[in-house]
Amino acid sequence: MENILINNIDRIHTTEMGVDRIKRNLELENIDVVVWCKESILDKNAIIERQGKNWYVHAKGCIITVNAAVIL
């Protein structure tokens, strides 16, 4: 099954405030959070679902929310 999110993984981005929020919420330090999120989304064990305007990715013990407008 083709996945639009996976096919457009290179378009995922966030703002500086988003980076700070992701780092704080996931307790991540000294890493590129966008790269971390992309790697998590591409993880073979990730569960990806679309609900309304968002993609939800269950991976690495967390839920990553990606606004669908980012990849349209």
Protein backbone atom coordinates (compact mmCIF):
# COMPACT_ATOMS: atom_id res chain seq x y z
CA MET A 1 0.00 0.00 0.00
CA GLU A 2 1.37 3.39 -0.99
CA ASN A 3 1.77 5.85 1.87
CA ILE A 4 1.62 9.55 1.01
CA LEU A 5 3.46 10.51 4.21
CA ILE A 6 6.39 8.17 3.49
CA ASN A 7 6.54 9.28 -0.15
CA ASN A 8 6.83 12.91 0.97
CA ILE A 9 9.11 12.45 4.00
CA ASP A 10 11.54 15.05 2.63
CA ARG A 11 8.87 17.78 2.98
CA ILE A 12 8.51 17.41 6.76
CA HIS A 13 9.75 20.44 8.68
CA THR A 14 9.01 22.55 11.76
CA THR A 15 9.66 26.00 13.20
CA GLU A 16 12.24 26.86 15.86
CA MET A 17 9.42 26.92 18.40
CA GLY A 18 8.39 23.48 17.16
CA VAL A 19 11.93 22.19 17.64
CA ASP A 20 11.95 23.48 21.22
CA ARG A 21 8.53 21.95 21.95
CA ILE A 22 9.50 18.55 20.50
CA LYS A 23 12.77 18.49 22.45
CA ARG A 24 11.00 19.43 25.68
CA ASN A 25 8.07 17.02 25.27
CA LEU A 26 10.23 14.04 24.28
CA GLU A 27 13.17 14.94 26.49
CA LEU A 28 15.57 14.95 23.53
CA GLU A 29 18.85 16.83 23.65
CA ASN A 30 21.61 17.66 21.19
CA ILE A 31 19.97 16.08 18.15
CA ASP A 32 18.24 17.27 15.01
CA VAL A 33 14.61 16.63 15.96
CA VAL A 34 13.37 16.77 12.36
CA VAL A 35 15.82 14.00 11.41
CA TRP A 36 14.79 12.06 14.55
CA CYS A 37 11.11 12.37 13.58
CA LYS A 38 11.78 11.33 9.98
CA GLU A 39 13.77 8.29 11.12
CA SER A 40 10.98 7.39 13.55
CA ILE A 41 8.36 7.67 10.81
CA LEU A 42 10.45 5.44 8.52
CA ASP A 43 10.99 2.83 11.26
CA LYS A 44 9.68 -0.56 10.09
CA ASN A 45 7.69 -0.92 13.31
CA ALA A 46 5.99 2.47 13.05
CA ILE A 47 2.21 2.49 12.77
CA ILE A 48 0.97 5.30 10.53
CA GLU A 49 -2.63 6.45 10.31
CA ARG A 50 -4.44 9.44 8.87
CA GLN A 51 -7.23 11.11 10.83
CA GLY A 52 -8.70 14.29 9.41
CA LYS A 53 -6.04 16.93 8.83
CA ASN A 54 -3.23 15.02 10.54
CA TRP A 55 -1.06 11.95 10.21
CA TYR A 56 -0.36 10.12 13.48
CA VAL A 57 2.73 7.96 13.72
CA HIS A 58 3.10 5.60 16.66
CA ALA A 59 6.82 4.89 16.98
CA LYS A 60 9.55 4.64 19.60
CA GLY A 61 7.05 4.88 22.45
CA CYS A 62 5.52 8.17 21.32
CA ILE A 63 3.03 9.62 18.87
CA ILE A 64 4.32 11.98 16.21
CA THR A 65 1.67 14.27 14.72
CA VAL A 66 2.25 15.61 11.21
CA ASN A 67 -0.14 18.14 9.73
CA ALA A 68 -1.27 16.78 6.37
CA ALA A 69 -1.02 20.24 4.78
CA VAL A 70 2.77 19.96 5.09
CA ILE A 71 2.85 17.34 2.36
CA LEU A 72 0.04 18.46 0.07
